[in-house]
Amino acid sequence: MTLDEFTATLTGTAPPGVGAPLRALWYDAHGDWNQAHQVAQDIDDATGAWIHAYLHRKEGDLGNAAYWYRRAQQPVAADSLDDEWRRIVTALL
């Protein structure tokens, strides 16, 4: 699946058959931050921490986001939220 194909699924009512990390990002892009966060909380690895960091950055909780970026071993993002979302999705695809 490409980024464009994944993005095209956002017009649907349910995420495509993908793993939890991409499912969390689908819910986020679909406007359901709470569901995205719930899915991300159950991903207990660096990928989950990266998504968690992004979500807390989006929420505006930068201190919590910084904690999750450290856990993910990722630099604190300075690009736009949309760019970071695309970067994470692309890395996961």
N, C-alpha and C. Protein backbone atom coordinates (compact mmCIF):
# COMPACT_ATOMS: atom_id res chain seq x y z
N MET A 1 0.85 -1.17 0.00
CA MET A 1 0.00 0.00 0.00
C MET A 1 0.90 1.24 0.00
N THR A 2 0.51 2.23 -0.78
CA THR A 2 1.25 3.49 -0.84
C THR A 2 0.60 4.51 0.09
N LEU A 3 1.28 5.62 0.30
CA LEU A 3 0.72 6.70 1.10
C LEU A 3 -0.58 7.19 0.49
N ASP A 4 -0.61 7.36 -0.83
CA ASP A 4 -1.83 7.83 -1.50
C ASP A 4 -2.97 6.83 -1.32
N GLU A 5 -2.67 5.55 -1.43
CA GLU A 5 -3.72 4.54 -1.24
C GLU A 5 -4.23 4.54 0.19
N PHE A 6 -3.31 4.66 1.15
CA PHE A 6 -3.72 4.71 2.55
C PHE A 6 -4.58 5.94 2.81
N THR A 7 -4.14 7.09 2.30
CA THR A 7 -4.89 8.33 2.47
C THR A 7 -6.28 8.23 1.84
N ALA A 8 -6.39 7.55 0.73
CA ALA A 8 -7.69 7.38 0.06
C ALA A 8 -8.68 6.62 0.93
N THR A 9 -8.18 5.78 1.83
CA THR A 9 -9.10 5.01 2.69
C THR A 9 -9.78 5.89 3.73
N LEU A 10 -9.30 7.12 3.91
CA LEU A 10 -9.88 8.00 4.92
C LEU A 10 -11.30 8.42 4.59
N THR A 11 -11.73 8.20 3.36
CA THR A 11 -13.11 8.52 3.00
C THR A 11 -14.07 7.43 3.46
N GLY A 12 -13.53 6.30 3.87
CA GLY A 12 -14.36 5.19 4.34
C GLY A 12 -14.79 5.38 5.79
N THR A 13 -15.56 4.41 6.27
CA THR A 13 -16.08 4.48 7.64
C THR A 13 -15.29 3.62 8.60
N ALA A 14 -14.37 2.82 8.09
CA ALA A 14 -13.55 1.96 8.95
C ALA A 14 -12.15 1.87 8.35
N PRO A 15 -11.16 1.69 9.22
CA PRO A 15 -9.79 1.60 8.69
C PRO A 15 -9.61 0.35 7.84
N PRO A 16 -8.63 0.40 6.93
CA PRO A 16 -8.35 -0.80 6.13
C PRO A 16 -7.73 -1.87 7.02
N GLY A 17 -7.56 -3.04 6.48
CA GLY A 17 -6.97 -4.15 7.24
C GLY A 17 -5.48 -3.98 7.40
N VAL A 18 -5.10 -3.13 8.33
CA VAL A 18 -3.69 -2.84 8.61
C VAL A 18 -3.44 -3.09 10.10
N GLY A 19 -2.17 -3.10 10.47
CA GLY A 19 -1.80 -3.30 11.86
C GLY A 19 -2.16 -2.10 12.73
N ALA A 20 -2.01 -2.29 14.01
CA ALA A 20 -2.39 -1.27 14.99
C ALA A 20 -1.73 0.09 14.75
N PRO A 21 -0.43 0.17 14.43
CA PRO A 21 0.16 1.50 14.24
C PRO A 21 -0.54 2.31 13.14
N LEU A 22 -0.76 1.70 12.00
CA LEU A 22 -1.44 2.43 10.92
C LEU A 22 -2.91 2.66 11.25
N ARG A 23 -3.51 1.75 11.97
CA ARG A 23 -4.90 1.94 12.38
C ARG A 23 -5.02 3.16 13.30
N ALA A 24 -4.08 3.33 14.22
CA ALA A 24 -4.09 4.51 15.10
C ALA A 24 -3.98 5.79 14.28
N LEU A 25 -3.10 5.80 13.30
CA LEU A 25 -2.92 6.99 12.47
C LEU A 25 -4.13 7.23 11.57
N TRP A 26 -4.79 6.16 11.16
CA TRP A 26 -6.02 6.30 10.37
C TRP A 26 -7.09 6.99 11.22
N TYR A 27 -7.28 6.51 12.44
CA TYR A 27 -8.28 7.14 13.31
C TYR A 27 -7.96 8.61 13.55
N ASP A 28 -6.69 8.92 13.76
CA ASP A 28 -6.29 10.31 13.97
C ASP A 28 -6.68 11.15 12.75
N ALA A 29 -6.30 10.71 11.58
CA ALA A 29 -6.60 11.48 10.37
C ALA A 29 -8.09 11.53 10.09
N HIS A 30 -8.82 10.55 10.60
CA HIS A 30 -10.27 10.50 10.41
C HIS A 30 -10.98 11.37 11.44
N GLY A 31 -10.21 12.03 12.31
CA GLY A 31 -10.78 12.95 13.26
C GLY A 31 -11.14 12.36 14.61
N ASP A 32 -10.68 11.14 14.88
CA ASP A 32 -11.00 10.48 16.14
C ASP A 32 -9.73 10.32 16.98
N TRP A 33 -9.29 11.44 17.59
CA TRP A 33 -8.06 11.44 18.38
C TRP A 33 -8.15 10.43 19.52
N ASN A 34 -9.29 10.35 20.19
CA ASN A 34 -9.43 9.45 21.33
C ASN A 34 -9.22 7.99 20.93
N GLN A 35 -9.82 7.57 19.83
CA GLN A 35 -9.64 6.19 19.36
C GLN A 35 -8.19 5.96 18.94
N ALA A 36 -7.59 6.95 18.28
CA ALA A 36 -6.19 6.84 17.87
C ALA A 36 -5.31 6.66 19.10
N HIS A 37 -5.57 7.43 20.13
CA HIS A 37 -4.78 7.35 21.36
C HIS A 37 -4.99 6.00 22.05
N GLN A 38 -6.21 5.52 22.06
CA GLN A 38 -6.49 4.22 22.67
C GLN A 38 -5.72 3.11 21.96
N VAL A 39 -5.72 3.12 20.66
CA VAL A 39 -4.98 2.11 19.89
C VAL A 39 -3.48 2.25 20.16
N ALA A 40 -2.98 3.48 20.14
CA ALA A 40 -1.54 3.71 20.34
C ALA A 40 -1.09 3.25 21.72
N GLN A 41 -1.92 3.40 22.72
CA GLN A 41 -1.55 2.99 24.08
C GLN A 41 -1.28 1.50 24.18
N ASP A 42 -1.86 0.72 23.30
CA ASP A 42 -1.68 -0.73 23.33
C ASP A 42 -0.50 -1.22 22.50
N ILE A 43 0.24 -0.30 21.88
CA ILE A 43 1.40 -0.66 21.07
C ILE A 43 2.63 -0.41 21.94
N ASP A 44 3.20 -1.47 22.47
CA ASP A 44 4.27 -1.34 23.46
C ASP A 44 5.65 -1.52 22.83
N ASP A 45 5.98 -0.60 21.92
CA ASP A 45 7.30 -0.61 21.31
C ASP A 45 7.62 0.81 20.83
N ALA A 46 8.76 0.97 20.17
CA ALA A 46 9.20 2.30 19.73
C ALA A 46 8.22 2.92 18.73
N THR A 47 7.60 2.10 17.90
CA THR A 47 6.63 2.62 16.94
C THR A 47 5.43 3.20 17.68
N GLY A 48 4.94 2.47 18.65
CA GLY A 48 3.82 2.98 19.45
C GLY A 48 4.18 4.25 20.18
N ALA A 49 5.41 4.33 20.68
CA ALA A 49 5.85 5.54 21.37
C ALA A 49 5.91 6.72 20.41
N TRP A 50 6.34 6.48 19.17
CA TRP A 50 6.40 7.56 18.18
C TRP A 50 5.01 8.09 17.87
N ILE A 51 4.07 7.18 17.67
CA ILE A 51 2.70 7.60 17.40
C ILE A 51 2.13 8.33 18.61
N HIS A 52 2.41 7.80 19.78
CA HIS A 52 1.96 8.43 21.01
C HIS A 52 2.52 9.85 21.12
N ALA A 53 3.80 10.03 20.79
CA ALA A 53 4.42 11.35 20.81
C ALA A 53 3.71 12.31 19.87
N TYR A 54 3.48 11.85 18.65
CA TYR A 54 2.78 12.67 17.66
C TYR A 54 1.40 13.08 18.19
N LEU A 55 0.67 12.12 18.75
CA LEU A 55 -0.68 12.42 19.23
C LEU A 55 -0.67 13.45 20.36
N HIS A 56 0.29 13.33 21.28
CA HIS A 56 0.36 14.31 22.36
C HIS A 56 0.83 15.67 21.86
N ARG A 57 1.68 15.66 20.84
CA ARG A 57 2.06 16.93 20.22
C ARG A 57 0.84 17.59 19.60
N LYS A 58 0.04 16.80 18.92
CA LYS A 58 -1.18 17.32 18.30
C LYS A 58 -2.14 17.85 19.36
N GLU A 59 -2.20 17.17 20.47
CA GLU A 59 -3.07 17.57 21.58
C GLU A 59 -2.59 18.89 22.21
N GLY A 60 -1.31 19.20 22.02
CA GLY A 60 -0.74 20.39 22.62
C GLY A 60 -0.01 20.13 23.92
N ASP A 61 0.12 18.87 24.30
CA ASP A 61 0.82 18.48 25.53
C ASP A 61 2.28 18.20 25.18
N LEU A 62 3.05 19.27 25.01
CA LEU A 62 4.41 19.13 24.49
C LEU A 62 5.36 18.44 25.45
N GLY A 63 5.15 18.61 26.75
CA GLY A 63 5.99 17.91 27.73
C GLY A 63 5.81 16.41 27.64
N ASN A 64 4.57 15.96 27.56
CA ASN A 64 4.28 14.54 27.42
C ASN A 64 4.78 14.03 26.07
N ALA A 65 4.61 14.84 25.04
CA ALA A 65 5.10 14.45 23.72
C ALA A 65 6.61 14.24 23.75
N ALA A 66 7.34 15.13 24.41
CA ALA A 66 8.80 15.01 24.49
C ALA A 66 9.20 13.70 25.16
N TYR A 67 8.48 13.32 26.21
CA TYR A 67 8.72 12.04 26.88
C TYR A 67 8.58 10.88 25.89
N TRP A 68 7.52 10.89 25.10
CA TRP A 68 7.27 9.80 24.15
C TRP A 68 8.26 9.81 22.99
N TYR A 69 8.69 11.00 22.55
CA TYR A 69 9.73 11.04 21.52
C TYR A 69 11.01 10.38 22.05
N ARG A 70 11.36 10.66 23.31
CA ARG A 70 12.54 10.00 23.89
C ARG A 70 12.36 8.49 23.92
N ARG A 71 11.20 8.02 24.33
CA ARG A 71 10.95 6.58 24.36
C ARG A 71 11.01 5.97 22.96
N ALA A 72 10.62 6.74 21.98
CA ALA A 72 10.65 6.27 20.59
C ALA A 72 12.03 6.38 19.96
N GLN A 73 12.94 7.05 20.65
CA GLN A 73 14.27 7.35 20.11
C GLN A 73 14.15 8.13 18.80
N GLN A 74 13.26 9.11 18.83
CA GLN A 74 13.03 10.00 17.69
C GLN A 74 13.26 11.43 18.15
N PRO A 75 13.75 12.29 17.27
CA PRO A 75 13.87 13.69 17.65
C PRO A 75 12.48 14.31 17.79
N VAL A 76 12.37 15.30 18.66
CA VAL A 76 11.11 16.02 18.78
C VAL A 76 10.81 16.67 17.44
N ALA A 77 9.64 16.42 16.92
CA ALA A 77 9.28 16.93 15.59
C ALA A 77 9.14 18.44 15.61
N ALA A 78 9.59 19.07 14.54
CA ALA A 78 9.47 20.51 14.40
C ALA A 78 8.70 20.87 13.13
N ASP A 79 8.38 19.86 12.32
CA ASP A 79 7.62 20.12 11.10
C ASP A 79 6.14 20.22 11.44
N SER A 80 5.30 20.44 10.44
CA SER A 80 3.87 20.54 10.68
C SER A 80 3.32 19.18 11.10
N LEU A 81 2.19 19.20 11.78
CA LEU A 81 1.56 17.94 12.18
C LEU A 81 1.22 17.09 10.96
N ASP A 82 0.74 17.72 9.90
CA ASP A 82 0.42 16.97 8.68
C ASP A 82 1.66 16.31 8.10
N ASP A 83 2.77 17.04 8.08
CA ASP A 83 4.01 16.47 7.56
C ASP A 83 4.49 15.32 8.44
N GLU A 84 4.38 15.49 9.75
CA GLU A 84 4.80 14.39 10.63
C GLU A 84 3.92 13.18 10.44
N TRP A 85 2.61 13.37 10.32
CA TRP A 85 1.69 12.25 10.09
C TRP A 85 2.10 11.49 8.83
N ARG A 86 2.35 12.23 7.75
CA ARG A 86 2.74 11.58 6.49
C ARG A 86 4.09 10.85 6.64
N ARG A 87 5.00 11.46 7.39
CA ARG A 87 6.32 10.85 7.60
C ARG A 87 6.19 9.53 8.36
N ILE A 88 5.36 9.52 9.40
CA ILE A 88 5.19 8.29 10.18
C ILE A 88 4.49 7.23 9.32
N VAL A 89 3.42 7.60 8.65
CA VAL A 89 2.71 6.63 7.79
C VAL A 89 3.65 6.05 6.76
N THR A 90 4.41 6.90 6.10
CA THR A 90 5.35 6.44 5.07
C THR A 90 6.37 5.47 5.66
N ALA A 91 6.87 5.77 6.84
CA ALA A 91 7.84 4.87 7.48
C ALA A 91 7.23 3.51 7.81
N LEU A 92 5.94 3.50 8.12
CA LEU A 92 5.26 2.26 8.49
C LEU A 92 4.80 1.44 7.29
N LEU A 93 4.60 2.11 6.17
CA LEU A 93 4.16 1.38 4.98
C LEU A 93 5.35 0.66 4.38
